[in-house]
Amino acid sequence: MTRRIGLCLLAAIALAGCGSQKRYPMVGEIVALDPAAHNATIKHEKIGDWMEAMTMEYTVKPDADFAKLHVGDRIQATVVVQDPTYWVTEVKVTGAGAGGK
C-alpha cells in the first residue's frame, strides 16, 4: 500500500511539470526570416539560465509580431519554453543592427 501511494505521488509530480512554462527575456538581432514558417534566426545574448549566447532559429508568435520584423532589427522579446517546444513572443524592435534597414 505504501509503495502504491509513493508511485501515485511520483506520477502526480511528473504530470504537474508537463504543462509548465518558463519565460525568459531575450535581447538579440534578426539575421534571417522564413515567412512561410514564421521563423526568425536570431543572434541573441545569453538567455537566463536556459541558453548561452548564440544564433538560432525561433518560431515567432503571434503572426503580428513576426510581420513587423526585418533582417538587421535589434529586438527585445520573451522566450517561452514549454518542453519540448519554445518560441518567441512580445517582440519589440529597438533599432537597426549591423544588417540595417
PDB file of N, CA and C in Angstrom:
ATOM      1  N   MET A   1       0.824  -1.200   0.000  1.00  0.00           N
ATOM      2  CA  MET A   1       0.000   0.000   0.000  1.00  0.00           C
ATOM      3  C   MET A   1       0.868   1.263   0.000  1.00  0.00           C
ATOM      4  N   THR A   2       1.881   1.290   0.841  1.00  0.00           N
ATOM      5  CA  THR A   2       2.768   2.448   0.909  1.00  0.00           C
ATOM      6  C   THR A   2       3.484   2.656  -0.428  1.00  0.00           C
ATOM      7  N   ARG A   3       3.891   1.540  -1.052  1.00  0.00           N
ATOM      8  CA  ARG A   3       4.577   1.649  -2.346  1.00  0.00           C
ATOM      9  C   ARG A   3       3.627   2.224  -3.400  1.00  0.00           C
ATOM     10  N   ARG A   4       2.381   1.817  -3.391  1.00  0.00           N
ATOM     11  CA  ARG A   4       1.393   2.307  -4.353  1.00  0.00           C
ATOM     12  C   ARG A   4       1.170   3.808  -4.177  1.00  0.00           C
ATOM     13  N   ILE A   5       1.087   4.269  -2.945  1.00  0.00           N
ATOM     14  CA  ILE A   5       0.918   5.698  -2.671  1.00  0.00           C
ATOM     15  C   ILE A   5       2.133   6.475  -3.168  1.00  0.00           C
ATOM     16  N   GLY A   6       3.329   5.921  -2.927  1.00  0.00           N
ATOM     17  CA  GLY A   6       4.553   6.562  -3.394  1.00  0.00           C
ATOM     18  C   GLY A   6       4.587   6.680  -4.908  1.00  0.00           C
ATOM     19  N   LEU A   7       4.199   5.626  -5.599  1.00  0.00           N
ATOM     20  CA  LEU A   7       4.166   5.660  -7.062  1.00  0.00           C
ATOM     21  C   LEU A   7       3.138   6.670  -7.564  1.00  0.00           C
ATOM     22  N   CYS A   8       1.993   6.751  -6.919  1.00  0.00           N
ATOM     23  CA  CYS A   8       0.973   7.723  -7.306  1.00  0.00           C
ATOM     24  C   CYS A   8       1.479   9.151  -7.110  1.00  0.00           C
ATOM     25  N   LEU A   9       2.188   9.392  -6.016  1.00  0.00           N
ATOM     26  CA  LEU A   9       2.746  10.724  -5.771  1.00  0.00           C
ATOM     27  C   LEU A   9       3.792  11.086  -6.826  1.00  0.00           C
ATOM     28  N   LEU A  10       4.657  10.139  -7.171  1.00  0.00           N
ATOM     29  CA  LEU A  10       5.656  10.406  -8.213  1.00  0.00           C
ATOM     30  C   LEU A  10       4.987  10.698  -9.548  1.00  0.00           C
ATOM     31  N   ALA A  11       3.944   9.951  -9.898  1.00  0.00           N
ATOM     32  CA  ALA A  11       3.227  10.195 -11.152  1.00  0.00           C
ATOM     33  C   ALA A  11       2.576  11.568 -11.143  1.00  0.00           C
ATOM     34  N   ALA A  12       2.000  11.974 -10.025  1.00  0.00           N
ATOM     35  CA  ALA A  12       1.347  13.277  -9.928  1.00  0.00           C
ATOM     36  C   ALA A  12       2.365  14.407 -10.081  1.00  0.00           C
ATOM     37  N   ILE A  13       3.525  14.247  -9.478  1.00  0.00           N
ATOM     38  CA  ILE A  13       4.578  15.259  -9.589  1.00  0.00           C
ATOM     39  C   ILE A  13       5.059  15.360 -11.037  1.00  0.00           C
ATOM     40  N   ALA A  14       5.254  14.236 -11.699  1.00  0.00           N
ATOM     41  CA  ALA A  14       5.707  14.236 -13.094  1.00  0.00           C
ATOM     42  C   ALA A  14       4.682  14.892 -14.001  1.00  0.00           C
ATOM     43  N   LEU A  15       3.409  14.594 -13.805  1.00  0.00           N
ATOM     44  CA  LEU A  15       2.359  15.177 -14.634  1.00  0.00           C
ATOM     45  C   LEU A  15       2.217  16.674 -14.387  1.00  0.00           C
ATOM     46  N   ALA A  16       2.421  17.109 -13.171  1.00  0.00           N
ATOM     47  CA  ALA A  16       2.305  18.535 -12.854  1.00  0.00           C
ATOM     48  C   ALA A  16       3.340  19.350 -13.607  1.00  0.00           C
ATOM     49  N   GLY A  17       4.518  18.800 -13.844  1.00  0.00           N
ATOM     50  CA  GLY A  17       5.569  19.520 -14.534  1.00  0.00           C
ATOM     51  C   GLY A  17       5.408  19.566 -16.043  1.00  0.00           C
ATOM     52  N   CYS A  18       4.537  18.723 -16.605  1.00  0.00           N
ATOM     53  CA  CYS A  18       4.397  18.621 -18.058  1.00  0.00           C
ATOM     54  C   CYS A  18       3.882  19.900 -18.704  1.00  0.00           C
ATOM     55  N   GLY A  19       2.987  20.604 -18.059  1.00  0.00           N
ATOM     56  CA  GLY A  19       2.400  21.781 -18.687  1.00  0.00           C
ATOM     57  C   GLY A  19       3.057  23.079 -18.285  1.00  0.00           C
ATOM     58  N   SER A  20       4.132  23.036 -17.527  1.00  0.00           N
ATOM     59  CA  SER A  20       4.711  24.271 -17.011  1.00  0.00           C
ATOM     60  C   SER A  20       5.505  25.004 -18.089  1.00  0.00           C
ATOM     61  N   GLN A  21       5.494  26.306 -17.978  1.00  0.00           N
ATOM     62  CA  GLN A  21       6.220  27.178 -18.900  1.00  0.00           C
ATOM     63  C   GLN A  21       7.226  27.997 -18.114  1.00  0.00           C
ATOM     64  N   LYS A  22       8.325  28.285 -18.775  1.00  0.00           N
ATOM     65  CA  LYS A  22       9.274  29.261 -18.247  1.00  0.00           C
ATOM     66  C   LYS A  22       9.375  30.366 -19.274  1.00  0.00           C
ATOM     67  N   ARG A  23       9.528  31.584 -18.804  1.00  0.00           N
ATOM     68  CA  ARG A  23       9.624  32.753 -19.675  1.00  0.00           C
ATOM     69  C   ARG A  23      10.920  33.481 -19.358  1.00  0.00           C
ATOM     70  N   TYR A  24      11.648  33.835 -20.416  1.00  0.00           N
ATOM     71  CA  TYR A  24      12.940  34.498 -20.264  1.00  0.00           C
ATOM     72  C   TYR A  24      13.006  35.739 -21.154  1.00  0.00           C
ATOM     73  N   PRO A  25      13.579  36.822 -20.664  1.00  0.00           N
ATOM     74  CA  PRO A  25      13.810  37.972 -21.539  1.00  0.00           C
ATOM     75  C   PRO A  25      14.939  37.655 -22.522  1.00  0.00           C
ATOM     76  N   MET A  26      14.803  38.177 -23.737  1.00  0.00           N
ATOM     77  CA  MET A  26      15.805  37.969 -24.783  1.00  0.00           C
ATOM     78  C   MET A  26      16.166  39.315 -25.418  1.00  0.00           C
ATOM     79  N   VAL A  27      17.447  39.485 -25.725  1.00  0.00           N
ATOM     80  CA  VAL A  27      17.929  40.637 -26.484  1.00  0.00           C
ATOM     81  C   VAL A  27      18.735  40.068 -27.643  1.00  0.00           C
ATOM     82  N   GLY A  28      18.454  40.549 -28.854  1.00  0.00           N
ATOM     83  CA  GLY A  28      19.188  39.999 -29.985  1.00  0.00           C
ATOM     84  C   GLY A  28      18.992  40.783 -31.261  1.00  0.00           C
ATOM     85  N   GLU A  29      19.474  40.186 -32.354  1.00  0.00           N
ATOM     86  CA  GLU A  29      19.388  40.793 -33.679  1.00  0.00           C
ATOM     87  C   GLU A  29      18.857  39.754 -34.668  1.00  0.00           C
ATOM     88  N   ILE A  30      17.927  40.174 -35.518  1.00  0.00           N
ATOM     89  CA  ILE A  30      17.365  39.301 -36.540  1.00  0.00           C
ATOM     90  C   ILE A  30      18.392  39.150 -37.662  1.00  0.00           C
ATOM     91  N   VAL A  31      18.801  37.899 -37.964  1.00  0.00           N
ATOM     92  CA  VAL A  31      19.769  37.680 -39.035  1.00  0.00           C
ATOM     93  C   VAL A  31      19.139  37.013 -40.258  1.00  0.00           C
ATOM     94  N   ALA A  32      17.950  36.399 -40.106  1.00  0.00           N
ATOM     95  CA  ALA A  32      17.242  35.803 -41.238  1.00  0.00           C
ATOM     96  C   ALA A  32      15.787  35.618 -40.848  1.00  0.00           C
ATOM     97  N   LEU A  33      14.919  35.618 -41.877  1.00  0.00           N
ATOM     98  CA  LEU A  33      13.480  35.417 -41.660  1.00  0.00           C
ATOM     99  C   LEU A  33      12.965  34.368 -42.637  1.00  0.00           C
ATOM    100  N   ASP A  34      12.079  33.496 -42.166  1.00  0.00           N
ATOM    101  CA  ASP A  34      11.417  32.500 -43.004  1.00  0.00           C
ATOM    102  C   ASP A  34       9.922  32.744 -42.899  1.00  0.00           C
ATOM    103  N   PRO A  35       9.350  33.547 -43.815  1.00  0.00           N
ATOM    104  CA  PRO A  35       7.935  33.901 -43.733  1.00  0.00           C
ATOM    105  C   PRO A  35       6.993  32.702 -43.805  1.00  0.00           C
ATOM    106  N   ALA A  36       7.351  31.672 -44.555  1.00  0.00           N
ATOM    107  CA  ALA A  36       6.473  30.509 -44.685  1.00  0.00           C
ATOM    108  C   ALA A  36       6.284  29.789 -43.352  1.00  0.00           C
ATOM    109  N   ALA A  37       7.340  29.716 -42.566  1.00  0.00           N
ATOM    110  CA  ALA A  37       7.282  29.012 -41.279  1.00  0.00           C
ATOM    111  C   ALA A  37       7.117  29.947 -40.088  1.00  0.00           C
ATOM    112  N   HIS A  38       7.141  31.254 -40.326  1.00  0.00           N
ATOM    113  CA  HIS A  38       7.101  32.272 -39.259  1.00  0.00           C
ATOM    114  C   HIS A  38       8.247  32.072 -38.275  1.00  0.00           C
ATOM    115  N   ASN A  39       9.425  31.770 -38.833  1.00  0.00           N
ATOM    116  CA  ASN A  39      10.626  31.587 -38.033  1.00  0.00           C
ATOM    117  C   ASN A  39      11.593  32.740 -38.266  1.00  0.00           C
ATOM    118  N   ALA A  40      12.286  33.114 -37.200  1.00  0.00           N
ATOM    119  CA  ALA A  40      13.330  34.126 -37.277  1.00  0.00           C
ATOM    120  C   ALA A  40      14.619  33.520 -36.742  1.00  0.00           C
ATOM    121  N   THR A  41      15.698  33.722 -37.462  1.00  0.00           N
ATOM    122  CA  THR A  41      17.007  33.344 -36.947  1.00  0.00           C
ATOM    123  C   THR A  41      17.521  34.555 -36.187  1.00  0.00           C
ATOM    124  N   ILE A  42      17.817  34.345 -34.911  1.00  0.00           N
ATOM    125  CA  ILE A  42      18.162  35.446 -34.017  1.00  0.00           C
ATOM    126  C   ILE A  42      19.536  35.195 -33.396  1.00  0.00           C
ATOM    127  N   LYS A  43      20.411  36.190 -33.516  1.00  0.00           N
ATOM    128  CA  LYS A  43      21.703  36.178 -32.814  1.00  0.00           C
ATOM    129  C   LYS A  43      21.433  36.852 -31.482  1.00  0.00           C
ATOM    130  N   HIS A  44      21.420  36.068 -30.409  1.00  0.00           N
ATOM    131  CA  HIS A  44      20.980  36.608 -29.119  1.00  0.00           C
ATOM    132  C   HIS A  44      22.034  36.505 -28.031  1.00  0.00           C
ATOM    133  N   GLU A  45      21.853  37.354 -27.040  1.00  0.00           N
ATOM    134  CA  GLU A  45      22.686  37.310 -25.843  1.00  0.00           C
ATOM    135  C   GLU A  45      22.265  36.097 -25.005  1.00  0.00           C
ATOM    136  N   LYS A  46      22.978  35.841 -23.918  1.00  0.00           N
ATOM    137  CA  LYS A  46      22.623  34.759 -23.008  1.00  0.00           C
ATOM    138  C   LYS A  46      21.172  34.924 -22.560  1.00  0.00           C
ATOM    139  N   ILE A  47      20.451  33.805 -22.494  1.00  0.00           N
ATOM    140  CA  ILE A  47      19.045  33.815 -22.086  1.00  0.00           C
ATOM    141  C   ILE A  47      18.943  33.145 -20.718  1.00  0.00           C
ATOM    142  N   GLY A  48      18.926  33.979 -19.676  1.00  0.00           N
ATOM    143  CA  GLY A  48      18.780  33.487 -18.305  1.00  0.00           C
ATOM    144  C   GLY A  48      19.660  32.289 -18.019  1.00  0.00           C
ATOM    145  N   ASP A  49      19.083  31.286 -17.341  1.00  0.00           N
ATOM    146  CA  ASP A  49      19.804  30.050 -17.043  1.00  0.00           C
ATOM    147  C   ASP A  49      19.453  28.967 -18.067  1.00  0.00           C
ATOM    148  N   TRP A  50      18.828  29.379 -19.189  1.00  0.00           N
ATOM    149  CA  TRP A  50      18.364  28.418 -20.187  1.00  0.00           C
ATOM    150  C   TRP A  50      19.362  28.206 -21.319  1.00  0.00           C
ATOM    151  N   MET A  51      19.993  29.272 -21.825  1.00  0.00           N
ATOM    152  CA  MET A  51      20.822  29.131 -23.015  1.00  0.00           C
ATOM    153  C   MET A  51      21.915  30.197 -23.057  1.00  0.00           C
ATOM    154  N   GLU A  52      23.083  29.783 -23.527  1.00  0.00           N
ATOM    155  CA  GLU A  52      24.193  30.707 -23.723  1.00  0.00           C
ATOM    156  C   GLU A  52      23.935  31.559 -24.969  1.00  0.00           C
ATOM    157  N   ALA A  53      24.721  32.603 -25.150  1.00  0.00           N
ATOM    158  CA  ALA A  53      24.612  33.449 -26.336  1.00  0.00           C
ATOM    159  C   ALA A  53      24.922  32.615 -27.574  1.00  0.00           C
ATOM    160  N   MET A  54      24.086  32.745 -28.608  1.00  0.00           N
ATOM    161  CA  MET A  54      24.295  32.016 -29.853  1.00  0.00           C
ATOM    162  C   MET A  54      23.338  32.530 -30.913  1.00  0.00           C
ATOM    163  N   THR A  55      23.400  31.949 -32.092  1.00  0.00           N
ATOM    164  CA  THR A  55      22.486  32.266 -33.173  1.00  0.00           C
ATOM    165  C   THR A  55      21.673  31.020 -33.469  1.00  0.00           C
ATOM    166  N   MET A  56      20.332  31.154 -33.412  1.00  0.00           N
ATOM    167  CA  MET A  56      19.474  30.012 -33.718  1.00  0.00           C
ATOM    168  C   MET A  56      18.103  30.464 -34.175  1.00  0.00           C
ATOM    169  N   GLU A  57      17.338  29.517 -34.681  1.00  0.00           N
ATOM    170  CA  GLU A  57      16.022  29.796 -35.249  1.00  0.00           C
ATOM    171  C   GLU A  57      14.936  29.635 -34.189  1.00  0.00           C
ATOM    172  N   TYR A  58      14.004  30.579 -34.194  1.00  0.00           N
ATOM    173  CA  TYR A  58      12.868  30.556 -33.271  1.00  0.00           C
ATOM    174  C   TYR A  58      11.577  30.793 -34.045  1.00  0.00           C
ATOM    175  N   THR A  59      10.517  30.109 -33.674  1.00  0.00           N
ATOM    176  CA  THR A  59       9.188  30.450 -34.153  1.00  0.00           C
ATOM    177  C   THR A  59       8.768  31.721 -33.435  1.00  0.00           C
ATOM    178  N   VAL A  60       8.119  32.642 -34.172  1.00  0.00           N
ATOM    179  CA  VAL A  60       7.662  33.904 -33.585  1.00  0.00           C
ATOM    180  C   VAL A  60       6.138  33.885 -33.539  1.00  0.00           C
ATOM    181  N   LYS A  61       5.578  34.108 -32.355  1.00  0.00           N
ATOM    182  CA  LYS A  61       4.128  34.158 -32.160  1.00  0.00           C
ATOM    183  C   LYS A  61       3.781  35.445 -31.441  1.00  0.00           C
ATOM    184  N   PRO A  62       2.702  36.079 -31.721  1.00  0.00           N
ATOM    185  CA  PRO A  62       1.717  35.811 -32.771  1.00  0.00           C
ATOM    186  C   PRO A  62       2.215  36.312 -34.126  1.00  0.00           C
ATOM    187  N   ASP A  63       1.405  36.078 -35.163  1.00  0.00           N
ATOM    188  CA  ASP A  63       1.760  36.483 -36.523  1.00  0.00           C
ATOM    189  C   ASP A  63       2.072  37.980 -36.613  1.00  0.00           C
ATOM    190  N   ALA A  64       1.360  38.798 -35.854  1.00  0.00           N
ATOM    191  CA  ALA A  64       1.577  40.252 -35.887  1.00  0.00           C
ATOM    192  C   ALA A  64       2.990  40.604 -35.435  1.00  0.00           C
ATOM    193  N   ASP A  65       3.552  39.870 -34.479  1.00  0.00           N
ATOM    194  CA  ASP A  65       4.928  40.120 -34.039  1.00  0.00           C
ATOM    195  C   ASP A  65       5.911  39.769 -35.158  1.00  0.00           C
ATOM    196  N   PHE A  66       5.664  38.654 -35.854  1.00  0.00           N
ATOM    197  CA  PHE A  66       6.547  38.259 -36.952  1.00  0.00           C
ATOM    198  C   PHE A  66       6.505  39.291 -38.080  1.00  0.00           C
ATOM    199  N   ALA A  67       5.315  39.790 -38.388  1.00  0.00           N
ATOM    200  CA  ALA A  67       5.116  40.699 -39.527  1.00  0.00           C
ATOM    201  C   ALA A  67       5.910  41.998 -39.401  1.00  0.00           C
ATOM    202  N   LYS A  68       6.237  42.415 -38.190  1.00  0.00           N
ATOM    203  CA  LYS A  68       6.950  43.687 -38.021  1.00  0.00           C
ATOM    204  C   LYS A  68       8.473  43.546 -38.063  1.00  0.00           C
ATOM    205  N   LEU A  69       8.974  42.325 -38.256  1.00  0.00           N
ATOM    206  CA  LEU A  69      10.420  42.090 -38.217  1.00  0.00           C
ATOM    207  C   LEU A  69      11.075  42.232 -39.580  1.00  0.00           C
ATOM    208  N   HIS A  70      12.323  42.729 -39.554  1.00  0.00           N
ATOM    209  CA  HIS A  70      13.163  42.848 -40.740  1.00  0.00           C
ATOM    210  C   HIS A  70      14.572  42.394 -40.371  1.00  0.00           C
ATOM    211  N   VAL A  71      15.280  41.826 -41.332  1.00  0.00           N
ATOM    212  CA  VAL A  71      16.673  41.447 -41.093  1.00  0.00           C
ATOM    213  C   VAL A  71      17.448  42.692 -40.675  1.00  0.00           C
ATOM    214  N   GLY A  72      18.227  42.550 -39.624  1.00  0.00           N
ATOM    215  CA  GLY A  72      19.011  43.662 -39.085  1.00  0.00           C
ATOM    216  C   GLY A  72      18.373  44.330 -37.888  1.00  0.00           C
ATOM    217  N   ASP A  73      17.083  44.052 -37.627  1.00  0.00           N
ATOM    218  CA  ASP A  73      16.423  44.648 -36.463  1.00  0.00           C
ATOM    219  C   ASP A  73      17.042  44.153 -35.167  1.00  0.00           C
ATOM    220  N   ARG A  74      17.267  45.082 -34.234  1.00  0.00           N
ATOM    221  CA  ARG A  74      17.612  44.731 -32.848  1.00  0.00           C
ATOM    222  C   ARG A  74      16.289  44.571 -32.122  1.00  0.00           C
ATOM    223  N   ILE A  75      16.177  43.538 -31.299  1.00  0.00           N
ATOM    224  CA  ILE A  75      14.907  43.282 -30.618  1.00  0.00           C
ATOM    225  C   ILE A  75      15.093  42.994 -29.139  1.00  0.00           C
ATOM    226  N   GLN A  76      13.997  43.195 -28.420  1.00  0.00           N
ATOM    227  CA  GLN A  76      13.818  42.670 -27.074  1.00  0.00           C
ATOM    228  C   GLN A  76      12.559  41.818 -27.182  1.00  0.00           C
ATOM    229  N   ALA A  77      12.571  40.657 -26.545  1.00  0.00           N
ATOM    230  CA  ALA A  77      11.432  39.753 -26.657  1.00  0.00           C
ATOM    231  C   ALA A  77      11.387  38.854 -25.432  1.00  0.00           C
ATOM    232  N   THR A  78      10.389  37.996 -25.420  1.00  0.00           N
ATOM    233  CA  THR A  78      10.264  36.977 -24.386  1.00  0.00           C
ATOM    234  C   THR A  78      10.347  35.616 -25.054  1.00  0.00           C
ATOM    235  N   VAL A  79      11.192  34.737 -24.526  1.00  0.00           N
ATOM    236  CA  VAL A  79      11.256  33.354 -24.988  1.00  0.00           C
ATOM    237  C   VAL A  79      10.409  32.528 -24.025  1.00  0.00           C
ATOM    238  N   VAL A  80       9.468  31.790 -24.575  1.00  0.00           N
ATOM    239  CA  VAL A  80       8.635  30.895 -23.778  1.00  0.00           C
ATOM    240  C   VAL A  80       9.143  29.482 -24.013  1.00  0.00           C
ATOM    241  N   VAL A  81       9.461  28.780 -22.928  1.00  0.00           N
ATOM    242  CA  VAL A  81       9.954  27.408 -23.017  1.00  0.00           C
ATOM    243  C   VAL A  81       8.927  26.506 -22.351  1.00  0.00           C
ATOM    244  N   GLN A  82       8.368  25.619 -23.145  1.00  0.00           N
ATOM    245  CA  GLN A  82       7.434  24.610 -22.642  1.00  0.00           C
ATOM    246  C   GLN A  82       7.904  23.301 -23.249  1.00  0.00           C
ATOM    247  N   ASP A  83       8.825  22.618 -22.535  1.00  0.00           N
ATOM    248  CA  ASP A  83       9.477  21.427 -23.081  1.00  0.00           C
ATOM    249  C   ASP A  83       8.472  20.503 -23.721  1.00  0.00           C
ATOM    250  N   PRO A  84       8.741  20.061 -24.931  1.00  0.00           N
ATOM    251  CA  PRO A  84       9.996  20.193 -25.669  1.00  0.00           C
ATOM    252  C   PRO A  84      10.005  21.368 -26.640  1.00  0.00           C
ATOM    253  N   THR A  85       9.032  22.263 -26.573  1.00  0.00           N
ATOM    254  CA  THR A  85       8.972  23.360 -27.534  1.00  0.00           C
ATOM    255  C   THR A  85       9.385  24.689 -26.908  1.00  0.00           C
ATOM    256  N   TYR A  86       9.658  25.654 -27.780  1.00  0.00           N
ATOM    257  CA  TYR A  86       9.991  27.015 -27.358  1.00  0.00           C
ATOM    258  C   TYR A  86       9.622  27.946 -28.490  1.00  0.00           C
ATOM    259  N   TRP A  87       9.337  29.203 -28.162  1.00  0.00           N
ATOM    260  CA  TRP A  87       9.014  30.213 -29.166  1.00  0.00           C
ATOM    261  C   TRP A  87       9.279  31.594 -28.595  1.00  0.00           C
ATOM    262  N   VAL A  88       9.253  32.595 -29.491  1.00  0.00           N
ATOM    263  CA  VAL A  88       9.489  33.984 -29.112  1.00  0.00           C
ATOM    264  C   VAL A  88       8.175  34.748 -29.236  1.00  0.00           C
ATOM    265  N   THR A  89       7.903  35.605 -28.282  1.00  0.00           N
ATOM    266  CA  THR A  89       6.694  36.417 -28.289  1.00  0.00           C
ATOM    267  C   THR A  89       7.000  37.779 -27.671  1.00  0.00           C
ATOM    268  N   GLU A  90       6.014  38.659 -27.663  1.00  0.00           N
ATOM    269  CA  GLU A  90       6.164  40.003 -27.067  1.00  0.00           C
ATOM    270  C   GLU A  90       7.382  40.731 -27.639  1.00  0.00           C
ATOM    271  N   VAL A  91       7.528  40.675 -28.961  1.00  0.00           N
ATOM    272  CA  VAL A  91       8.695  41.236 -29.640  1.00  0.00           C
ATOM    273  C   VAL A  91       8.573  42.753 -29.753  1.00  0.00           C
ATOM    274  N   LYS A  92       9.651  43.439 -29.369  1.00  0.00           N
ATOM    275  CA  LYS A  92       9.745  44.893 -29.524  1.00  0.00           C
ATOM    276  C   LYS A  92      11.002  45.190 -30.326  1.00  0.00           C
ATOM    277  N   VAL A  93      10.851  45.901 -31.441  1.00  0.00           N
ATOM    278  CA  VAL A  93      12.007  46.312 -32.234  1.00  0.00           C
ATOM    279  C   VAL A  93      12.604  47.534 -31.561  1.00  0.00           C
ATOM    280  N   THR A  94      13.898  47.456 -31.246  1.00  0.00           N
ATOM    281  CA  THR A  94      14.554  48.545 -30.529  1.00  0.00           C
ATOM    282  C   THR A  94      15.518  49.341 -31.402  1.00  0.00           C
ATOM    283  N   GLY A  95      15.758  48.872 -32.622  1.00  0.00           N
ATOM    284  CA  GLY A  95      16.634  49.605 -33.524  1.00  0.00           C
ATOM    285  C   GLY A  95      17.152  48.724 -34.629  1.00  0.00           C
ATOM    286  N   ALA A  96      17.914  49.322 -35.531  1.00  0.00           N
ATOM    287  CA  ALA A  96      18.517  48.573 -36.632  1.00  0.00           C
ATOM    288  C   ALA A  96      19.912  48.143 -36.216  1.00  0.00           C
ATOM    289  N   GLY A  97      20.232  46.883 -36.482  1.00  0.00           N
ATOM    290  CA  GLY A  97      21.550  46.352 -36.138  1.00  0.00           C
ATOM    291  C   GLY A  97      22.527  46.519 -37.277  1.00  0.00           C
ATOM    292  N   ALA A  98      23.553  45.689 -37.266  1.00  0.00           N
ATOM    293  CA  ALA A  98      24.615  45.770 -38.278  1.00  0.00           C
ATOM    294  C   ALA A  98      24.070  45.552 -39.686  1.00  0.00           C
ATOM    295  N   GLY A  99      23.006  44.744 -39.810  1.00  0.00           N
ATOM    296  CA  GLY A  99      22.412  44.499 -41.121  1.00  0.00           C
ATOM    297  C   GLY A  99      21.619  45.689 -41.629  1.00  0.00           C
ATOM    298  N   GLY A 100      21.168  46.541 -40.716  1.00  0.00           N
ATOM    299  CA  GLY A 100      20.433  47.777 -41.036  1.00  0.00           C
ATOM    300  C   GLY A 100      19.239  47.584 -41.942  1.00  0.00           C
ATOM    301  N   LYS A 101      18.355  48.595 -41.962  1.00  0.00           N
ATOM    302  CA  LYS A 101      17.201  48.587 -42.854  1.00  0.00           C
ATOM    303  C   LYS A 101      17.430  49.625 -43.917  1.00  0.00           C
TER     304      LYS A 101
END
